[in-house]
Amino acid sequence: MEYRQTIQSYCVPTGTEFKLVIPASVKEVGYMQSSSCSGICKYFSLYYQSFTQTTLFPIQAGTEEQLGEYVNKFYTAINAN
């Protein structure tokens, strides 16, 4: 299940998305580390890739260990019977 709410200035919700992710549609799950400002501001994103799209979830103040746990939990959730 994926729920996403877009928030702009003043914390006013401006959009909402909801979808169910079918486990068979997920090809890949993982995380990425990106940086801005010449490598000073680093941040992580959890992602999954399906047959039709890639979805990214930015993670604030995450660590590699936490993102590894998130990937494992996501994988476990989509493979649960």
C-alpha atoms as a PDB file:
ATOM      1  CA  MET A   1       0.000   0.000   0.000  1.00  0.00           C
ATOM      2  CA  GLU A   2       1.427   3.388  -0.921  1.00  0.00           C
ATOM      3  CA  TYR A   3       0.100   6.677   0.436  1.00  0.00           C
ATOM      4  CA  ARG A   4       1.640   9.985  -0.542  1.00  0.00           C
ATOM      5  CA  GLN A   5       0.597  13.479   0.423  1.00  0.00           C
ATOM      6  CA  THR A   6       2.134  16.509  -1.279  1.00  0.00           C
ATOM      7  CA  ILE A   7       2.627  19.484   1.029  1.00  0.00           C
ATOM      8  CA  GLN A   8       3.645  22.951  -0.065  1.00  0.00           C
ATOM      9  CA  SER A   9       4.422  26.083   1.929  1.00  0.00           C
ATOM     10  CA  TYR A  10       2.519  26.658   5.173  1.00  0.00           C
ATOM     11  CA  CYS A  11       1.960  22.868   5.476  1.00  0.00           C
ATOM     12  CA  VAL A  12      -1.222  22.941   3.422  1.00  0.00           C
ATOM     13  CA  PRO A  13      -1.984  19.541   1.834  1.00  0.00           C
ATOM     14  CA  THR A  14      -2.220  20.082  -1.892  1.00  0.00           C
ATOM     15  CA  GLY A  15      -2.487  16.536  -3.223  1.00  0.00           C
ATOM     16  CA  THR A  16      -2.946  12.934  -2.155  1.00  0.00           C
ATOM     17  CA  GLU A  17      -2.175   9.623  -3.857  1.00  0.00           C
ATOM     18  CA  PHE A  18      -3.125   6.130  -2.736  1.00  0.00           C
ATOM     19  CA  LYS A  19      -2.332   2.870  -4.477  1.00  0.00           C
ATOM     20  CA  LEU A  20      -1.894  -0.805  -3.732  1.00  0.00           C
ATOM     21  CA  VAL A  21       1.368  -2.318  -4.872  1.00  0.00           C
ATOM     22  CA  ILE A  22       0.960  -5.818  -6.248  1.00  0.00           C
ATOM     23  CA  PRO A  23       3.954  -7.857  -5.061  1.00  0.00           C
ATOM     24  CA  ALA A  24       4.380  -9.529  -8.455  1.00  0.00           C
ATOM     25  CA  SER A  25       4.843  -6.104 -10.068  1.00  0.00           C
ATOM     26  CA  VAL A  26       7.927  -5.171  -8.002  1.00  0.00           C
ATOM     27  CA  LYS A  27      11.178  -5.894  -9.826  1.00  0.00           C
ATOM     28  CA  GLU A  28      13.627  -4.197  -7.490  1.00  0.00           C
ATOM     29  CA  VAL A  29      13.799  -2.470  -4.113  1.00  0.00           C
ATOM     30  CA  GLY A  30      16.721  -0.545  -2.689  1.00  0.00           C
ATOM     31  CA  TYR A  31      18.033   2.793  -1.538  1.00  0.00           C
ATOM     32  CA  MET A  32      20.186   5.585  -2.946  1.00  0.00           C
ATOM     33  CA  GLN A  33      22.350   8.193  -1.303  1.00  0.00           C
ATOM     34  CA  SER A  34      22.434  11.577  -3.015  1.00  0.00           C
ATOM     35  CA  SER A  35      24.063  14.863  -2.148  1.00  0.00           C
ATOM     36  CA  SER A  36      23.684  18.500  -2.997  1.00  0.00           C
ATOM     37  CA  CYS A  37      25.783  21.588  -2.341  1.00  0.00           C
ATOM     38  CA  SER A  38      29.028  19.934  -3.495  1.00  0.00           C
ATOM     39  CA  GLY A  39      28.533  16.873  -1.293  1.00  0.00           C
ATOM     40  CA  ILE A  40      27.730  18.742   1.926  1.00  0.00           C
ATOM     41  CA  CYS A  41      24.007  17.956   2.183  1.00  0.00           C
ATOM     42  CA  LYS A  42      23.584  14.180   1.882  1.00  0.00           C
ATOM     43  CA  TYR A  43      20.247  12.424   1.923  1.00  0.00           C
ATOM     44  CA  PHE A  44      18.829   8.969   1.254  1.00  0.00           C
ATOM     45  CA  SER A  45      15.883   7.779  -0.794  1.00  0.00           C
ATOM     46  CA  LEU A  46      14.160   4.403  -0.530  1.00  0.00           C
ATOM     47  CA  TYR A  47      12.923   3.233  -3.916  1.00  0.00           C
ATOM     48  CA  TYR A  48      11.176   0.400  -5.617  1.00  0.00           C
ATOM     49  CA  GLN A  49      10.971  -0.286  -9.316  1.00  0.00           C
ATOM     50  CA  SER A  50       7.994  -1.975 -10.892  1.00  0.00           C
ATOM     51  CA  PHE A  51       7.399  -2.913 -14.499  1.00  0.00           C
ATOM     52  CA  THR A  52       5.863   0.494 -15.228  1.00  0.00           C
ATOM     53  CA  GLN A  53       7.464   3.015 -12.856  1.00  0.00           C
ATOM     54  CA  THR A  54      10.076   3.792 -10.229  1.00  0.00           C
ATOM     55  CA  THR A  55       8.887   5.282  -6.940  1.00  0.00           C
ATOM     56  CA  LEU A  56      11.224   7.221  -4.614  1.00  0.00           C
ATOM     57  CA  PHE A  57      10.643   8.044  -0.963  1.00  0.00           C
ATOM     58  CA  PRO A  58      13.045  10.676   0.431  1.00  0.00           C
ATOM     59  CA  ILE A  59      14.227   9.817   3.958  1.00  0.00           C
ATOM     60  CA  GLN A  60      15.225  12.618   6.325  1.00  0.00           C
ATOM     61  CA  ALA A  61      18.161  12.003   8.674  1.00  0.00           C
ATOM     62  CA  GLY A  62      18.537   8.360   7.627  1.00  0.00           C
ATOM     63  CA  THR A  63      21.589   6.153   7.909  1.00  0.00           C
ATOM     64  CA  GLU A  64      22.783   3.290   5.722  1.00  0.00           C
ATOM     65  CA  GLU A  65      21.822   0.832   8.466  1.00  0.00           C
ATOM     66  CA  GLN A  66      18.275   2.215   8.689  1.00  0.00           C
ATOM     67  CA  LEU A  67      17.835   2.144   4.930  1.00  0.00           C
ATOM     68  CA  GLY A  68      19.079  -1.460   4.840  1.00  0.00           C
ATOM     69  CA  GLU A  69      16.407  -2.327   7.416  1.00  0.00           C
ATOM     70  CA  TYR A  70      13.726  -0.509   5.392  1.00  0.00           C
ATOM     71  CA  VAL A  71      14.707  -2.444   2.254  1.00  0.00           C
ATOM     72  CA  ASN A  72      14.538  -5.756   4.146  1.00  0.00           C
ATOM     73  CA  LYS A  73      11.153  -4.895   5.664  1.00  0.00           C
ATOM     74  CA  PHE A  74       9.764  -3.838   2.279  1.00  0.00           C
ATOM     75  CA  TYR A  75      11.001  -7.067   0.700  1.00  0.00           C
ATOM     76  CA  THR A  76       9.551  -9.137   3.552  1.00  0.00           C
ATOM     77  CA  ALA A  77       6.198  -7.339   3.280  1.00  0.00           C
ATOM     78  CA  ILE A  78       5.802  -7.915  -0.458  1.00  0.00           C
ATOM     79  CA  ASN A  79       6.802 -11.579  -0.128  1.00  0.00           C
ATOM     80  CA  ALA A  80       4.487 -12.364   2.817  1.00  0.00           C
ATOM     81  CA  ASN A  81       1.847 -14.973   2.100  1.00  0.00           C
END
